[in-house]
Amino acid sequence: MPDNQTPPADKSASSGWTKSHNIFVGGRRSSARMEPEFREALKDICDREKKSLSELYSEIDGRKRPDQTLSSATRVFTVAYFRNALHHIEEGSTD
């Protein structure tokens, strides 16, 4: 496939739809709407960081911009987390 073409979408993947999840942020009930792939990525981060989803959401909520939704902040955090991990791998660090 030429470099300038996008690969065909995986029809079996659940990309493209979001699901609202009830969560606890700083002890209060809230919700976040996110694609299943992001939800799974958050679970992976929680396993690695030894945190609960509520702890991670509370951390993200504390860092987000005032004009940013929790769902958006969570997506940005998740991408930044894995980009940082990739950078460490490329640099030869395992931290």
C-alpha atoms as a PDB file:
ATOM      1  CA  MET A   1       0.000   0.000   0.000  1.00  0.00           C
ATOM      2  CA  PRO A   2       1.464   3.423  -0.885  1.00  0.00           C
ATOM      3  CA  ASP A   3       2.476   5.635   2.058  1.00  0.00           C
ATOM      4  CA  ASN A   4      -0.158   8.244   1.248  1.00  0.00           C
ATOM      5  CA  GLN A   5      -3.116   5.859   1.561  1.00  0.00           C
ATOM      6  CA  THR A   6      -4.998   5.138   4.733  1.00  0.00           C
ATOM      7  CA  PRO A   7      -5.436   1.447   5.524  1.00  0.00           C
ATOM      8  CA  PRO A   8      -9.025   0.200   5.402  1.00  0.00           C
ATOM      9  CA  ALA A   9     -10.959   0.410   8.648  1.00  0.00           C
ATOM     10  CA  ASP A  10     -11.169  -2.750  10.708  1.00  0.00           C
ATOM     11  CA  LYS A  11     -14.869  -3.540  10.622  1.00  0.00           C
ATOM     12  CA  SER A  12     -14.521  -5.827  13.649  1.00  0.00           C
ATOM     13  CA  ALA A  13     -13.069  -3.066  15.829  1.00  0.00           C
ATOM     14  CA  SER A  14     -15.332  -0.963  17.976  1.00  0.00           C
ATOM     15  CA  SER A  15     -13.724   2.328  16.955  1.00  0.00           C
ATOM     16  CA  GLY A  16     -16.017   5.169  16.153  1.00  0.00           C
ATOM     17  CA  TRP A  17     -18.508   4.819  18.964  1.00  0.00           C
ATOM     18  CA  THR A  18     -18.353   5.940  22.521  1.00  0.00           C
ATOM     19  CA  LYS A  19     -19.927   4.686  25.694  1.00  0.00           C
ATOM     20  CA  SER A  20     -20.605   6.647  28.838  1.00  0.00           C
ATOM     21  CA  HIS A  21     -19.051   5.214  31.998  1.00  0.00           C
ATOM     22  CA  ASN A  22     -20.026   6.126  35.530  1.00  0.00           C
ATOM     23  CA  ILE A  23     -16.904   6.964  37.496  1.00  0.00           C
ATOM     24  CA  PHE A  24     -15.853   8.538  40.775  1.00  0.00           C
ATOM     25  CA  VAL A  25     -13.652  11.605  40.623  1.00  0.00           C
ATOM     26  CA  GLY A  26     -12.376  13.012  43.895  1.00  0.00           C
ATOM     27  CA  GLY A  27     -15.085  11.128  45.750  1.00  0.00           C
ATOM     28  CA  ARG A  28     -17.947  12.449  43.609  1.00  0.00           C
ATOM     29  CA  ARG A  29     -19.881  10.580  40.957  1.00  0.00           C
ATOM     30  CA  SER A  30     -19.334  11.680  37.380  1.00  0.00           C
ATOM     31  CA  SER A  31     -19.285  10.187  33.920  1.00  0.00           C
ATOM     32  CA  ALA A  32     -16.884  10.033  31.018  1.00  0.00           C
ATOM     33  CA  ARG A  33     -17.750   9.204  27.433  1.00  0.00           C
ATOM     34  CA  MET A  34     -15.039   7.303  25.668  1.00  0.00           C
ATOM     35  CA  GLU A  35     -14.258   4.709  23.030  1.00  0.00           C
ATOM     36  CA  PRO A  36     -13.654   1.166  24.323  1.00  0.00           C
ATOM     37  CA  GLU A  37     -10.029   1.288  23.140  1.00  0.00           C
ATOM     38  CA  PHE A  38      -9.345   4.276  25.408  1.00  0.00           C
ATOM     39  CA  ARG A  39     -11.063   2.548  28.311  1.00  0.00           C
ATOM     40  CA  GLU A  40      -8.805  -0.495  27.821  1.00  0.00           C
ATOM     41  CA  ALA A  41      -5.740   1.747  27.547  1.00  0.00           C
ATOM     42  CA  LEU A  42      -6.697   3.396  30.856  1.00  0.00           C
ATOM     43  CA  LYS A  43      -6.940  -0.009  32.488  1.00  0.00           C
ATOM     44  CA  ASP A  44      -3.444  -0.807  31.183  1.00  0.00           C
ATOM     45  CA  ILE A  45      -2.153   2.453  32.662  1.00  0.00           C
ATOM     46  CA  CYS A  46      -3.820   1.663  35.995  1.00  0.00           C
ATOM     47  CA  ASP A  47      -2.191  -1.766  36.074  1.00  0.00           C
ATOM     48  CA  ARG A  48       1.233  -0.292  35.330  1.00  0.00           C
ATOM     49  CA  GLU A  49       0.879   2.585  37.792  1.00  0.00           C
ATOM     50  CA  LYS A  50      -0.869   0.450  40.446  1.00  0.00           C
ATOM     51  CA  LYS A  51      -3.821   2.848  40.662  1.00  0.00           C
ATOM     52  CA  SER A  52      -7.566   2.408  40.503  1.00  0.00           C
ATOM     53  CA  LEU A  53      -9.557   3.962  37.672  1.00  0.00           C
ATOM     54  CA  SER A  54     -11.038   6.409  40.178  1.00  0.00           C
ATOM     55  CA  GLU A  55      -7.564   7.474  41.311  1.00  0.00           C
ATOM     56  CA  LEU A  56      -6.439   7.949  37.721  1.00  0.00           C
ATOM     57  CA  TYR A  57      -9.566   9.911  36.757  1.00  0.00           C
ATOM     58  CA  SER A  58      -9.112  12.118  39.842  1.00  0.00           C
ATOM     59  CA  GLU A  59      -5.508  12.792  38.823  1.00  0.00           C
ATOM     60  CA  ILE A  60      -6.553  13.651  35.267  1.00  0.00           C
ATOM     61  CA  ASP A  61      -9.382  15.862  36.539  1.00  0.00           C
ATOM     62  CA  GLY A  62      -6.936  17.784  38.720  1.00  0.00           C
ATOM     63  CA  ARG A  63      -4.655  18.460  35.743  1.00  0.00           C
ATOM     64  CA  LYS A  64      -7.210  19.344  33.073  1.00  0.00           C
ATOM     65  CA  ARG A  65      -7.832  22.848  31.785  1.00  0.00           C
ATOM     66  CA  PRO A  66     -10.997  24.542  33.105  1.00  0.00           C
ATOM     67  CA  ASP A  67     -12.511  24.605  29.606  1.00  0.00           C
ATOM     68  CA  GLN A  68     -11.739  20.937  28.928  1.00  0.00           C
ATOM     69  CA  THR A  69     -14.134  18.045  29.504  1.00  0.00           C
ATOM     70  CA  LEU A  70     -12.969  15.076  31.529  1.00  0.00           C
ATOM     71  CA  SER A  71     -13.431  12.825  28.493  1.00  0.00           C
ATOM     72  CA  SER A  72     -11.213  15.046  26.353  1.00  0.00           C
ATOM     73  CA  ALA A  73      -8.609  15.396  29.108  1.00  0.00           C
ATOM     74  CA  THR A  74      -8.581  11.610  29.516  1.00  0.00           C
ATOM     75  CA  ARG A  75      -7.909  11.047  25.821  1.00  0.00           C
ATOM     76  CA  VAL A  76      -5.106  13.620  25.831  1.00  0.00           C
ATOM     77  CA  PHE A  77      -3.598  12.082  28.987  1.00  0.00           C
ATOM     78  CA  THR A  78      -3.740   8.579  27.498  1.00  0.00           C
ATOM     79  CA  VAL A  79      -2.018   9.584  24.267  1.00  0.00           C
ATOM     80  CA  ALA A  80       0.617  11.579  26.189  1.00  0.00           C
ATOM     81  CA  TYR A  81       1.229   8.630  28.539  1.00  0.00           C
ATOM     82  CA  PHE A  82       1.931   6.195  25.717  1.00  0.00           C
ATOM     83  CA  ARG A  83       3.950   8.722  23.716  1.00  0.00           C
ATOM     84  CA  ASN A  84       6.110   9.282  26.796  1.00  0.00           C
ATOM     85  CA  ALA A  85       6.500   5.508  27.236  1.00  0.00           C
ATOM     86  CA  LEU A  86       7.551   5.176  23.594  1.00  0.00           C
ATOM     87  CA  HIS A  87      10.072   7.995  24.022  1.00  0.00           C
ATOM     88  CA  HIS A  88      11.595   6.176  27.015  1.00  0.00           C
ATOM     89  CA  ILE A  89      11.797   2.935  25.029  1.00  0.00           C
ATOM     90  CA  GLU A  90      13.497   4.716  22.130  1.00  0.00           C
ATOM     91  CA  GLU A  91      15.954   6.304  24.571  1.00  0.00           C
ATOM     92  CA  GLY A  92      16.691   2.932  26.174  1.00  0.00           C
ATOM     93  CA  SER A  93      15.086   3.688  29.547  1.00  0.00           C
ATOM     94  CA  THR A  94      12.703   1.250  31.251  1.00  0.00           C
ATOM     95  CA  ASP A  95      11.328   3.687  33.881  1.00  0.00           C
END
